[in-house]
Amino acid sequence: MRNTLVLNASYEPLAAVTQQRAVVLVLQDKAVVEEAHPLRVVRGGTLELPAPRVVRLRRYVKVPFRQRAAWSRRGVLVRDGFRCAYCGRRATTVDHVVPRSRGGGDTWLNTVAACAADNHRKADRTPEQAGMVLLRKPFEPTPQASLLAALGIEGWPAVA
């Protein structure tokens, strides 16, 4: 689970990483802990470190401007609140609205969270062909909203 925010040397947010990755950055002296978890401690053989919530890189990293959030299976599940877009039950899979075999792909606007039963029922058809209705329309989140979602911070969903 990604629960540590990585800031650039200029304090701008860069990414959400696992706590283990954040600890490695600190131990390699590539980052400093800006905020630590008040109750958690990471222990090693000869060291004890407060569990980082926010780390800041020591050197500035130039990052190209990102206009779009990168698509991911987990991102779709988080965007849809782990709820099936067809029935509203708990979703565990991602369904392609237009199946890949019919020209659909892994994009924010073509994928929705789905429960296994509805995903199997829809199969290799569009929702209209399967007689199913989408409860909510898929959308593309902003890069900022997807970063907040990765950290588990309120602000999701947000449209681009």
C-alpha atoms as a PDB file:
ATOM      1  CA  MET A   1       0.000   0.000   0.000  1.00  0.00           C
ATOM      2  CA  ARG A   2       1.320   3.427  -0.928  1.00  0.00           C
ATOM      3  CA  ASN A   3       1.105   5.632   2.094  1.00  0.00           C
ATOM      4  CA  THR A   4       4.145   7.913   2.041  1.00  0.00           C
ATOM      5  CA  LEU A   5       4.213  11.158   0.088  1.00  0.00           C
ATOM      6  CA  VAL A   6       7.468  12.043  -1.677  1.00  0.00           C
ATOM      7  CA  LEU A   7       8.163  15.749  -2.125  1.00  0.00           C
ATOM      8  CA  ASN A   8      10.708  17.262  -4.463  1.00  0.00           C
ATOM      9  CA  ALA A   9      13.477  19.391  -2.919  1.00  0.00           C
ATOM     10  CA  SER A  10      11.225  22.367  -3.736  1.00  0.00           C
ATOM     11  CA  TYR A  11       8.409  20.836  -1.622  1.00  0.00           C
ATOM     12  CA  GLU A  12       6.176  20.026  -4.607  1.00  0.00           C
ATOM     13  CA  PRO A  13       4.493  16.591  -4.449  1.00  0.00           C
ATOM     14  CA  LEU A  14       6.021  13.985  -6.747  1.00  0.00           C
ATOM     15  CA  ALA A  15       4.587  10.585  -5.898  1.00  0.00           C
ATOM     16  CA  ALA A  16       3.134   8.238  -3.336  1.00  0.00           C
ATOM     17  CA  VAL A  17       5.405   5.321  -2.442  1.00  0.00           C
ATOM     18  CA  THR A  18       5.372   2.424  -0.023  1.00  0.00           C
ATOM     19  CA  GLN A  19       6.683   3.021   3.450  1.00  0.00           C
ATOM     20  CA  GLN A  20       9.494   0.555   2.731  1.00  0.00           C
ATOM     21  CA  ARG A  21      10.630   2.597  -0.303  1.00  0.00           C
ATOM     22  CA  ALA A  22      10.511   5.806   1.745  1.00  0.00           C
ATOM     23  CA  VAL A  23      12.695   4.261   4.455  1.00  0.00           C
ATOM     24  CA  VAL A  24      15.212   3.154   1.821  1.00  0.00           C
ATOM     25  CA  LEU A  25      15.362   6.706   0.414  1.00  0.00           C
ATOM     26  CA  VAL A  26      16.044   8.064   3.908  1.00  0.00           C
ATOM     27  CA  LEU A  27      18.652   5.421   4.723  1.00  0.00           C
ATOM     28  CA  GLN A  28      20.440   6.089   1.415  1.00  0.00           C
ATOM     29  CA  ASP A  29      20.517   9.772   2.396  1.00  0.00           C
ATOM     30  CA  LYS A  30      18.498  10.680  -0.709  1.00  0.00           C
ATOM     31  CA  ALA A  31      15.591  12.051   1.343  1.00  0.00           C
ATOM     32  CA  VAL A  32      14.799  13.503   4.743  1.00  0.00           C
ATOM     33  CA  VAL A  33      11.725  12.787   6.849  1.00  0.00           C
ATOM     34  CA  GLU A  34       9.473  15.849   6.879  1.00  0.00           C
ATOM     35  CA  GLU A  35       6.650  14.232   8.838  1.00  0.00           C
ATOM     36  CA  ALA A  36       6.657  10.953  10.721  1.00  0.00           C
ATOM     37  CA  HIS A  37       3.809   8.784  11.936  1.00  0.00           C
ATOM     38  CA  PRO A  38       3.308   9.547  15.654  1.00  0.00           C
ATOM     39  CA  LEU A  39       2.802   5.920  16.722  1.00  0.00           C
ATOM     40  CA  ARG A  40       4.817   3.830  14.254  1.00  0.00           C
ATOM     41  CA  VAL A  41       8.523   3.053  14.348  1.00  0.00           C
ATOM     42  CA  VAL A  42      10.601   1.117  11.814  1.00  0.00           C
ATOM     43  CA  ARG A  43      13.219  -1.031  13.526  1.00  0.00           C
ATOM     44  CA  GLY A  44      16.276  -2.681  12.058  1.00  0.00           C
ATOM     45  CA  GLY A  45      19.202  -4.556  13.554  1.00  0.00           C
ATOM     46  CA  THR A  46      20.951  -1.472  14.895  1.00  0.00           C
ATOM     47  CA  LEU A  47      18.600   1.347  14.044  1.00  0.00           C
ATOM     48  CA  GLU A  48      15.224   2.738  14.959  1.00  0.00           C
ATOM     49  CA  LEU A  49      13.536   5.253  12.642  1.00  0.00           C
ATOM     50  CA  PRO A  50      10.146   6.972  12.945  1.00  0.00           C
ATOM     51  CA  ALA A  51       7.840   5.655  10.208  1.00  0.00           C
ATOM     52  CA  PRO A  52       7.771   8.362   7.506  1.00  0.00           C
ATOM     53  CA  ARG A  53       4.498   9.850   6.278  1.00  0.00           C
ATOM     54  CA  VAL A  54       6.154  12.559   4.150  1.00  0.00           C
ATOM     55  CA  VAL A  55       9.718  12.595   2.853  1.00  0.00           C
ATOM     56  CA  ARG A  56      11.506  15.324   0.880  1.00  0.00           C
ATOM     57  CA  LEU A  57      14.242  14.587  -1.628  1.00  0.00           C
ATOM     58  CA  ARG A  58      17.581  16.261  -0.858  1.00  0.00           C
ATOM     59  CA  ARG A  59      18.248  17.047  -4.525  1.00  0.00           C
ATOM     60  CA  TYR A  60      15.799  18.611  -6.960  1.00  0.00           C
ATOM     61  CA  VAL A  61      14.437  16.199  -9.581  1.00  0.00           C
ATOM     62  CA  LYS A  62      13.200  17.713 -12.828  1.00  0.00           C
ATOM     63  CA  VAL A  63       9.905  16.091 -13.732  1.00  0.00           C
ATOM     64  CA  PRO A  64       8.088  16.643 -17.025  1.00  0.00           C
ATOM     65  CA  PHE A  65       4.645  18.182 -16.675  1.00  0.00           C
ATOM     66  CA  ARG A  66       2.012  15.451 -16.547  1.00  0.00           C
ATOM     67  CA  GLN A  67      -1.353  16.430 -17.968  1.00  0.00           C
ATOM     68  CA  ARG A  68      -2.950  13.034 -17.484  1.00  0.00           C
ATOM     69  CA  ALA A  69      -3.097  10.493 -14.699  1.00  0.00           C
ATOM     70  CA  ALA A  70      -1.511   7.171 -15.595  1.00  0.00           C
ATOM     71  CA  TRP A  71      -4.110   4.395 -15.984  1.00  0.00           C
ATOM     72  CA  SER A  72      -3.889   1.458 -13.600  1.00  0.00           C
ATOM     73  CA  ARG A  73      -6.156  -1.365 -12.501  1.00  0.00           C
ATOM     74  CA  ARG A  74      -5.914  -0.220  -8.881  1.00  0.00           C
ATOM     75  CA  GLY A  75      -6.621   3.355  -9.952  1.00  0.00           C
ATOM     76  CA  VAL A  76      -9.894   2.289 -11.587  1.00  0.00           C
ATOM     77  CA  LEU A  77     -10.952   0.375  -8.468  1.00  0.00           C
ATOM     78  CA  VAL A  78     -10.131   3.367  -6.236  1.00  0.00           C
ATOM     79  CA  ARG A  79     -11.803   5.826  -8.634  1.00  0.00           C
ATOM     80  CA  ASP A  80     -15.019   3.781  -8.464  1.00  0.00           C
ATOM     81  CA  GLY A  81     -14.797   3.287  -4.694  1.00  0.00           C
ATOM     82  CA  PHE A  82     -14.363  -0.498  -5.057  1.00  0.00           C
ATOM     83  CA  ARG A  83     -18.047  -0.624  -6.090  1.00  0.00           C
ATOM     84  CA  CYS A  84     -19.378  -2.467  -9.142  1.00  0.00           C
ATOM     85  CA  ALA A  85     -20.471  -0.091 -11.890  1.00  0.00           C
ATOM     86  CA  TYR A  86     -23.317  -2.466 -12.794  1.00  0.00           C
ATOM     87  CA  CYS A  87     -24.852  -3.526  -9.456  1.00  0.00           C
ATOM     88  CA  GLY A  88     -23.113  -1.490  -6.728  1.00  0.00           C
ATOM     89  CA  ARG A  89     -21.708  -4.489  -4.828  1.00  0.00           C
ATOM     90  CA  ARG A  90     -18.035  -4.813  -3.868  1.00  0.00           C
ATOM     91  CA  ALA A  91     -15.842  -4.798  -6.982  1.00  0.00           C
ATOM     92  CA  THR A  92     -12.771  -6.976  -7.328  1.00  0.00           C
ATOM     93  CA  THR A  93     -12.145  -6.816 -11.076  1.00  0.00           C
ATOM     94  CA  VAL A  94     -11.917  -4.247 -13.858  1.00  0.00           C
ATOM     95  CA  ASP A  95     -14.283  -4.523 -16.817  1.00  0.00           C
ATOM     96  CA  HIS A  96     -13.765  -3.030 -20.270  1.00  0.00           C
ATOM     97  CA  VAL A  97     -16.936  -1.233 -21.390  1.00  0.00           C
ATOM     98  CA  VAL A  98     -15.939  -1.867 -25.012  1.00  0.00           C
ATOM     99  CA  PRO A  99     -14.129  -5.226 -24.923  1.00  0.00           C
ATOM    100  CA  ARG A 100     -10.488  -5.295 -25.994  1.00  0.00           C
ATOM    101  CA  SER A 101     -11.391  -7.766 -28.739  1.00  0.00           C
ATOM    102  CA  ARG A 102     -13.640  -5.060 -30.243  1.00  0.00           C
ATOM    103  CA  GLY A 103     -11.118  -2.257 -30.168  1.00  0.00           C
ATOM    104  CA  GLY A 104     -11.461  -1.127 -26.557  1.00  0.00           C
ATOM    105  CA  GLY A 105      -8.342  -0.671 -24.458  1.00  0.00           C
ATOM    106  CA  ASP A 106      -6.994   0.088 -21.029  1.00  0.00           C
ATOM    107  CA  THR A 107      -8.149   3.687 -20.703  1.00  0.00           C
ATOM    108  CA  TRP A 108      -9.920   5.604 -17.939  1.00  0.00           C
ATOM    109  CA  LEU A 109     -13.011   6.117 -20.117  1.00  0.00           C
ATOM    110  CA  ASN A 110     -13.268   2.459 -21.183  1.00  0.00           C
ATOM    111  CA  THR A 111     -12.804   0.697 -17.846  1.00  0.00           C
ATOM    112  CA  VAL A 112     -14.978   0.412 -14.750  1.00  0.00           C
ATOM    113  CA  ALA A 113     -14.805  -1.509 -11.491  1.00  0.00           C
ATOM    114  CA  ALA A 114     -16.972  -4.628 -11.536  1.00  0.00           C
ATOM    115  CA  CYS A 115     -17.829  -7.577  -9.337  1.00  0.00           C
ATOM    116  CA  ALA A 116     -16.712 -10.947 -10.699  1.00  0.00           C
ATOM    117  CA  ALA A 117     -20.301 -12.075 -11.356  1.00  0.00           C
ATOM    118  CA  ASP A 118     -21.196  -9.056 -13.513  1.00  0.00           C
ATOM    119  CA  ASN A 119     -17.854  -9.125 -15.298  1.00  0.00           C
ATOM    120  CA  HIS A 120     -18.459 -12.779 -16.188  1.00  0.00           C
ATOM    121  CA  ARG A 121     -22.098 -12.101 -17.161  1.00  0.00           C
ATOM    122  CA  LYS A 122     -21.149  -9.250 -19.500  1.00  0.00           C
ATOM    123  CA  ALA A 123     -18.332 -11.329 -21.002  1.00  0.00           C
ATOM    124  CA  ASP A 124     -17.114 -10.191 -24.432  1.00  0.00           C
ATOM    125  CA  ARG A 125     -20.030  -7.827 -25.113  1.00  0.00           C
ATOM    126  CA  THR A 126     -20.845  -4.170 -24.633  1.00  0.00           C
ATOM    127  CA  PRO A 127     -23.221  -3.331 -21.760  1.00  0.00           C
ATOM    128  CA  GLU A 128     -26.047  -2.697 -24.253  1.00  0.00           C
ATOM    129  CA  GLN A 129     -25.564  -6.101 -25.895  1.00  0.00           C
ATOM    130  CA  ALA A 130     -25.541  -7.782 -22.473  1.00  0.00           C
ATOM    131  CA  GLY A 131     -28.659  -5.876 -21.351  1.00  0.00           C
ATOM    132  CA  MET A 132     -26.736  -4.184 -18.525  1.00  0.00           C
ATOM    133  CA  VAL A 133     -26.775  -0.550 -17.438  1.00  0.00           C
ATOM    134  CA  LEU A 134     -23.825   1.400 -16.032  1.00  0.00           C
ATOM    135  CA  LEU A 135     -24.762   3.044 -12.725  1.00  0.00           C
ATOM    136  CA  ARG A 136     -22.126   5.758 -13.276  1.00  0.00           C
ATOM    137  CA  LYS A 137     -20.167   6.895 -16.265  1.00  0.00           C
ATOM    138  CA  PRO A 138     -16.396   6.325 -16.237  1.00  0.00           C
ATOM    139  CA  PHE A 139     -14.229   9.460 -16.134  1.00  0.00           C
ATOM    140  CA  GLU A 140     -10.566  10.407 -16.221  1.00  0.00           C
ATOM    141  CA  PRO A 141      -9.239  11.705 -12.887  1.00  0.00           C
ATOM    142  CA  THR A 142      -6.759  14.552 -12.649  1.00  0.00           C
ATOM    143  CA  PRO A 143      -3.137  13.675 -11.834  1.00  0.00           C
ATOM    144  CA  GLN A 144      -3.541  15.487  -8.505  1.00  0.00           C
ATOM    145  CA  ALA A 145      -6.650  13.478  -7.607  1.00  0.00           C
ATOM    146  CA  SER A 146      -4.942  10.180  -8.435  1.00  0.00           C
ATOM    147  CA  LEU A 147      -1.990  11.125  -6.202  1.00  0.00           C
ATOM    148  CA  LEU A 148      -4.376  11.955  -3.355  1.00  0.00           C
ATOM    149  CA  ALA A 149      -6.193   8.665  -3.886  1.00  0.00           C
ATOM    150  CA  ALA A 150      -2.929   6.732  -3.774  1.00  0.00           C
ATOM    151  CA  LEU A 151      -2.270   8.329  -0.393  1.00  0.00           C
ATOM    152  CA  GLY A 152      -5.813   7.655   0.820  1.00  0.00           C
ATOM    153  CA  ILE A 153      -6.551  11.377   1.210  1.00  0.00           C
ATOM    154  CA  GLU A 154      -9.994  12.860   0.572  1.00  0.00           C
ATOM    155  CA  GLY A 155     -10.418  14.705  -2.701  1.00  0.00           C
ATOM    156  CA  TRP A 156     -11.204  11.733  -4.926  1.00  0.00           C
ATOM    157  CA  PRO A 157     -13.002  11.600  -7.279  1.00  0.00           C
ATOM    158  CA  ALA A 158     -12.221  14.644  -9.365  1.00  0.00           C
ATOM    159  CA  VAL A 159     -12.702  14.945 -13.091  1.00  0.00           C
ATOM    160  CA  ALA A 160     -10.048  16.242 -15.450  1.00  0.00           C
END
